[in-house]
Amino acid sequence: IAAATLHVFHEHAERVFMANLAQLVNVIQALVLTEGEKMLLTPTYHVFEMFKAHQDAVRLPLHLQSETYTYGDKSIPAISASASSKDGAILLTLCNLNPNAGVELTVELRGAEGKAINGRVLTADALNAHNSFDAPETVTPQPFTDFTAEGGTITLRLPAKSVVALNL
């Protein structure tokens, strides 16, 4: 949810100049949870951290064709994405909103090449996986290498229920 929401804000950057979380700690969708002297980072924190290079960057236009994810009688695009450029680097963030199936995606970079790419993925085995004080690293970003790049084309395989950040 955090990634998809940030993608919507980014898509409308000409109107949304700033968006803030009302509360950061010990609330629903918190970035940080505390208990006495203990503190843990939530999956939402990790999404914000993975997206931070979008801040103060130039939004790049995207043309995205995506399968739909249907639940009951409601359907949404299965993939949301944003791209931005800052100081010669490109950040591409993608979110697979389908909790049941991965998807293969081809990205065509117009006017750029993915010469040096590194990626991270945030996902878990279960849709309701979360970090707890007993297991504070259940959901944390991991290296993402499930892609190939050739010239200006990147082919990647997004796992189900995942957020991926590619730095080019």
C-alpha atoms as a PDB file:
ATOM      1  CA  ILE A   1       0.000   0.000   0.000  1.00  0.00           C
ATOM      2  CA  ALA A   2       2.797   2.431   0.863  1.00  0.00           C
ATOM      3  CA  ALA A   3       4.532   1.892  -2.500  1.00  0.00           C
ATOM      4  CA  ALA A   4       1.339   2.222  -4.540  1.00  0.00           C
ATOM      5  CA  THR A   5       0.383   5.392  -2.646  1.00  0.00           C
ATOM      6  CA  LEU A   6       3.812   6.942  -3.165  1.00  0.00           C
ATOM      7  CA  HIS A   7       3.565   6.090  -6.864  1.00  0.00           C
ATOM      8  CA  VAL A   8       0.238   7.963  -7.096  1.00  0.00           C
ATOM      9  CA  PHE A   9       1.767  10.998  -5.362  1.00  0.00           C
ATOM     10  CA  HIS A  10       4.777  10.861  -7.686  1.00  0.00           C
ATOM     11  CA  GLU A  11       2.551  10.565 -10.763  1.00  0.00           C
ATOM     12  CA  HIS A  12       0.848  13.813  -9.752  1.00  0.00           C
ATOM     13  CA  ALA A  13       3.992  15.683  -8.673  1.00  0.00           C
ATOM     14  CA  GLU A  14       2.884  18.775 -10.567  1.00  0.00           C
ATOM     15  CA  ARG A  15       0.065  19.129  -8.005  1.00  0.00           C
ATOM     16  CA  VAL A  16       1.368  17.277  -4.938  1.00  0.00           C
ATOM     17  CA  PHE A  17       4.340  19.269  -3.721  1.00  0.00           C
ATOM     18  CA  MET A  18       4.590  17.623  -0.324  1.00  0.00           C
ATOM     19  CA  ALA A  19       2.954  14.734   1.495  1.00  0.00           C
ATOM     20  CA  ASN A  20       3.504  13.870   5.147  1.00  0.00           C
ATOM     21  CA  LEU A  21       2.703  11.060   7.488  1.00  0.00           C
ATOM     22  CA  ALA A  22       0.593  12.312  10.360  1.00  0.00           C
ATOM     23  CA  GLN A  23       2.344  10.042  12.829  1.00  0.00           C
ATOM     24  CA  LEU A  24       5.469   7.952  12.491  1.00  0.00           C
ATOM     25  CA  VAL A  25       5.744   5.769  15.585  1.00  0.00           C
ATOM     26  CA  ASN A  26       3.473   3.116  17.125  1.00  0.00           C
ATOM     27  CA  VAL A  27       0.440   3.689  14.871  1.00  0.00           C
ATOM     28  CA  ILE A  28      -1.171   1.778  12.012  1.00  0.00           C
ATOM     29  CA  GLN A  29       1.166   1.872   8.987  1.00  0.00           C
ATOM     30  CA  ALA A  30       3.933   3.213  11.265  1.00  0.00           C
ATOM     31  CA  LEU A  31       7.500   3.558  10.087  1.00  0.00           C
ATOM     32  CA  VAL A  32       8.871   2.620  13.487  1.00  0.00           C
ATOM     33  CA  LEU A  33       7.536   0.594  16.408  1.00  0.00           C
ATOM     34  CA  THR A  34       8.869   0.892  19.940  1.00  0.00           C
ATOM     35  CA  GLU A  35       8.442  -1.114  23.106  1.00  0.00           C
ATOM     36  CA  GLY A  36      10.337   0.171  26.111  1.00  0.00           C
ATOM     37  CA  GLU A  37      13.977   0.410  25.028  1.00  0.00           C
ATOM     38  CA  LYS A  38      13.393  -1.683  21.885  1.00  0.00           C
ATOM     39  CA  MET A  39      12.751  -0.294  18.410  1.00  0.00           C
ATOM     40  CA  LEU A  40      12.119  -1.907  15.032  1.00  0.00           C
ATOM     41  CA  LEU A  41      11.730  -0.744  11.450  1.00  0.00           C
ATOM     42  CA  THR A  42       8.527  -1.743   9.681  1.00  0.00           C
ATOM     43  CA  PRO A  43       8.070  -2.765   6.037  1.00  0.00           C
ATOM     44  CA  THR A  44       6.567   0.702   5.480  1.00  0.00           C
ATOM     45  CA  TYR A  45       9.842   2.256   6.672  1.00  0.00           C
ATOM     46  CA  HIS A  46      11.730   0.120   4.171  1.00  0.00           C
ATOM     47  CA  VAL A  47       9.482   1.258   1.293  1.00  0.00           C
ATOM     48  CA  PHE A  48      10.103   4.914   2.205  1.00  0.00           C
ATOM     49  CA  GLU A  49      13.836   4.258   2.386  1.00  0.00           C
ATOM     50  CA  MET A  50      13.829   2.483  -0.990  1.00  0.00           C
ATOM     51  CA  PHE A  51      11.961   5.432  -2.558  1.00  0.00           C
ATOM     52  CA  LYS A  52      14.041   8.244  -1.021  1.00  0.00           C
ATOM     53  CA  ALA A  53      16.038   8.934  -4.206  1.00  0.00           C
ATOM     54  CA  HIS A  54      12.782  10.114  -5.855  1.00  0.00           C
ATOM     55  CA  GLN A  55      12.914  13.127  -3.514  1.00  0.00           C
ATOM     56  CA  ASP A  56      14.173  16.294  -5.245  1.00  0.00           C
ATOM     57  CA  ALA A  57      14.592  14.341  -8.495  1.00  0.00           C
ATOM     58  CA  VAL A  58      12.990  14.951 -11.889  1.00  0.00           C
ATOM     59  CA  ARG A  59      10.048  12.660 -12.545  1.00  0.00           C
ATOM     60  CA  LEU A  60      10.496  10.694 -15.753  1.00  0.00           C
ATOM     61  CA  PRO A  61       7.449   9.857 -17.852  1.00  0.00           C
ATOM     62  CA  LEU A  62       6.358   6.222 -17.924  1.00  0.00           C
ATOM     63  CA  HIS A  63       4.084   4.375 -20.269  1.00  0.00           C
ATOM     64  CA  LEU A  64       3.045   1.272 -18.366  1.00  0.00           C
ATOM     65  CA  GLN A  65       1.001  -1.600 -19.704  1.00  0.00           C
ATOM     66  CA  SER A  66       0.014  -3.999 -16.968  1.00  0.00           C
ATOM     67  CA  GLU A  67      -2.138  -7.024 -16.403  1.00  0.00           C
ATOM     68  CA  THR A  68      -4.945  -6.477 -13.937  1.00  0.00           C
ATOM     69  CA  TYR A  69      -5.339  -7.988 -10.511  1.00  0.00           C
ATOM     70  CA  THR A  70      -8.928  -8.896  -9.695  1.00  0.00           C
ATOM     71  CA  TYR A  71     -10.367  -9.602  -6.280  1.00  0.00           C
ATOM     72  CA  GLY A  72     -14.091 -10.264  -6.202  1.00  0.00           C
ATOM     73  CA  ASP A  73     -15.695  -7.762  -8.553  1.00  0.00           C
ATOM     74  CA  LYS A  74     -12.880  -5.169  -8.245  1.00  0.00           C
ATOM     75  CA  SER A  75      -9.889  -4.874 -10.573  1.00  0.00           C
ATOM     76  CA  ILE A  76      -6.767  -2.724 -10.490  1.00  0.00           C
ATOM     77  CA  PRO A  77      -3.581  -2.649 -12.560  1.00  0.00           C
ATOM     78  CA  ALA A  78      -1.278  -5.320 -11.139  1.00  0.00           C
ATOM     79  CA  ILE A  79       1.824  -3.128 -11.456  1.00  0.00           C
ATOM     80  CA  SER A  80       2.456   0.428 -10.328  1.00  0.00           C
ATOM     81  CA  ALA A  81       5.709   2.218 -11.056  1.00  0.00           C
ATOM     82  CA  SER A  82       7.632   5.501 -10.902  1.00  0.00           C
ATOM     83  CA  ALA A  83      10.877   6.680 -12.409  1.00  0.00           C
ATOM     84  CA  SER A  84      13.014   9.707 -11.681  1.00  0.00           C
ATOM     85  CA  SER A  85      16.430  11.095 -12.486  1.00  0.00           C
ATOM     86  CA  LYS A  86      18.879  12.972 -10.307  1.00  0.00           C
ATOM     87  CA  ASP A  87      22.541  13.734 -10.930  1.00  0.00           C
ATOM     88  CA  GLY A  88      22.669  11.313 -13.863  1.00  0.00           C
ATOM     89  CA  ALA A  89      21.215   8.389 -11.907  1.00  0.00           C
ATOM     90  CA  ILE A  90      17.788   6.879 -12.556  1.00  0.00           C
ATOM     91  CA  LEU A  91      15.596   5.310  -9.882  1.00  0.00           C
ATOM     92  CA  LEU A  92      12.862   2.974 -11.095  1.00  0.00           C
ATOM     93  CA  THR A  93      10.484   1.695  -8.430  1.00  0.00           C
ATOM     94  CA  LEU A  94       7.924  -0.990  -9.165  1.00  0.00           C
ATOM     95  CA  CYS A  95       5.212  -2.614  -7.098  1.00  0.00           C
ATOM     96  CA  ASN A  96       3.510  -5.921  -7.925  1.00  0.00           C
ATOM     97  CA  LEU A  97       0.108  -5.591  -6.287  1.00  0.00           C
ATOM     98  CA  ASN A  98      -0.855  -9.159  -7.135  1.00  0.00           C
ATOM     99  CA  PRO A  99      -0.328 -11.180  -3.935  1.00  0.00           C
ATOM    100  CA  ASN A 100      -0.598 -14.500  -5.779  1.00  0.00           C
ATOM    101  CA  ALA A 101       1.573 -14.313  -8.885  1.00  0.00           C
ATOM    102  CA  GLY A 102       4.846 -12.915 -10.070  1.00  0.00           C
ATOM    103  CA  VAL A 103       5.046 -11.071 -13.351  1.00  0.00           C
ATOM    104  CA  GLU A 104       7.659 -10.641 -16.049  1.00  0.00           C
ATOM    105  CA  LEU A 105       8.061  -7.075 -17.244  1.00  0.00           C
ATOM    106  CA  THR A 106      10.109  -5.486 -20.011  1.00  0.00           C
ATOM    107  CA  VAL A 107      11.317  -1.935 -19.490  1.00  0.00           C
ATOM    108  CA  GLU A 108      12.483   0.086 -22.449  1.00  0.00           C
ATOM    109  CA  LEU A 109      14.776   2.937 -21.462  1.00  0.00           C
ATOM    110  CA  ARG A 110      14.509   5.669 -24.051  1.00  0.00           C
ATOM    111  CA  GLY A 111      17.588   7.858 -24.201  1.00  0.00           C
ATOM    112  CA  ALA A 112      19.440   5.860 -21.534  1.00  0.00           C
ATOM    113  CA  GLU A 113      21.132   2.533 -21.024  1.00  0.00           C
ATOM    114  CA  GLY A 114      21.171   0.337 -17.946  1.00  0.00           C
ATOM    115  CA  LYS A 115      24.939  -0.059 -17.854  1.00  0.00           C
ATOM    116  CA  ALA A 116      25.286  -0.387 -14.087  1.00  0.00           C
ATOM    117  CA  ILE A 117      22.158  -1.596 -12.327  1.00  0.00           C
ATOM    118  CA  ASN A 118      21.641  -2.613  -8.751  1.00  0.00           C
ATOM    119  CA  GLY A 119      18.341  -3.534  -7.240  1.00  0.00           C
ATOM    120  CA  ARG A 120      16.584  -4.367  -4.013  1.00  0.00           C
ATOM    121  CA  VAL A 121      13.324  -6.170  -3.382  1.00  0.00           C
ATOM    122  CA  LEU A 122      10.946  -6.096  -0.438  1.00  0.00           C
ATOM    123  CA  THR A 123       8.645  -9.099  -0.162  1.00  0.00           C
ATOM    124  CA  ALA A 124       7.813 -12.000   2.137  1.00  0.00           C
ATOM    125  CA  ASP A 125       6.410 -15.492   1.959  1.00  0.00           C
ATOM    126  CA  ALA A 126       3.065 -14.477   3.463  1.00  0.00           C
ATOM    127  CA  LEU A 127       0.893 -11.455   2.692  1.00  0.00           C
ATOM    128  CA  ASN A 128       0.496 -10.734   6.408  1.00  0.00           C
ATOM    129  CA  ALA A 129       4.214 -11.084   7.234  1.00  0.00           C
ATOM    130  CA  HIS A 130       5.494  -8.344   9.518  1.00  0.00           C
ATOM    131  CA  ASN A 131       8.427  -7.422  11.691  1.00  0.00           C
ATOM    132  CA  SER A 132       8.064  -8.031  15.410  1.00  0.00           C
ATOM    133  CA  PHE A 133      10.278  -7.525  18.417  1.00  0.00           C
ATOM    134  CA  ASP A 134      10.972 -11.269  18.398  1.00  0.00           C
ATOM    135  CA  ALA A 135      11.718 -11.236  14.635  1.00  0.00           C
ATOM    136  CA  PRO A 136      12.597  -7.658  13.654  1.00  0.00           C
ATOM    137  CA  GLU A 137      14.007  -8.551  10.216  1.00  0.00           C
ATOM    138  CA  THR A 138      11.241 -10.764   8.844  1.00  0.00           C
ATOM    139  CA  VAL A 139      10.486  -8.246   6.067  1.00  0.00           C
ATOM    140  CA  THR A 140      13.586  -6.320   4.982  1.00  0.00           C
ATOM    141  CA  PRO A 141      14.976  -5.336   1.585  1.00  0.00           C
ATOM    142  CA  GLN A 142      17.115  -7.968  -0.077  1.00  0.00           C
ATOM    143  CA  PRO A 143      19.343  -7.748  -3.154  1.00  0.00           C
ATOM    144  CA  PHE A 144      17.316  -8.047  -6.367  1.00  0.00           C
ATOM    145  CA  THR A 145      19.052  -9.758  -9.264  1.00  0.00           C
ATOM    146  CA  ASP A 146      16.162 -11.299 -11.192  1.00  0.00           C
ATOM    147  CA  PHE A 147      16.691  -9.115 -14.244  1.00  0.00           C
ATOM    148  CA  THR A 148      18.695  -8.966 -17.432  1.00  0.00           C
ATOM    149  CA  ALA A 149      19.790  -5.804 -19.211  1.00  0.00           C
ATOM    150  CA  GLU A 150      20.797  -5.396 -22.800  1.00  0.00           C
ATOM    151  CA  GLY A 151      21.333  -1.932 -24.214  1.00  0.00           C
ATOM    152  CA  GLY A 152      18.260   0.107 -23.383  1.00  0.00           C
ATOM    153  CA  THR A 153      16.050  -2.831 -22.376  1.00  0.00           C
ATOM    154  CA  ILE A 154      15.659  -4.431 -18.966  1.00  0.00           C
ATOM    155  CA  THR A 155      13.652  -7.606 -18.476  1.00  0.00           C
ATOM    156  CA  LEU A 156      12.734  -8.329 -14.875  1.00  0.00           C
ATOM    157  CA  ARG A 157      10.643 -10.755 -12.934  1.00  0.00           C
ATOM    158  CA  LEU A 158       8.753  -9.171 -10.058  1.00  0.00           C
ATOM    159  CA  PRO A 159       7.773 -11.612  -7.313  1.00  0.00           C
ATOM    160  CA  ALA A 160       4.192 -11.635  -6.069  1.00  0.00           C
ATOM    161  CA  LYS A 161       3.413  -8.918  -3.479  1.00  0.00           C
ATOM    162  CA  SER A 162       6.707  -7.152  -3.950  1.00  0.00           C
ATOM    163  CA  VAL A 163       8.315  -3.739  -4.150  1.00  0.00           C
ATOM    164  CA  VAL A 164      11.450  -3.417  -6.279  1.00  0.00           C
ATOM    165  CA  ALA A 165      13.829  -0.478  -6.576  1.00  0.00           C
ATOM    166  CA  LEU A 166      16.327  -0.425  -9.438  1.00  0.00           C
ATOM    167  CA  ASN A 167      19.140   2.110  -9.437  1.00  0.00           C
ATOM    168  CA  LEU A 168      20.605   2.740 -12.876  1.00  0.00           C
END
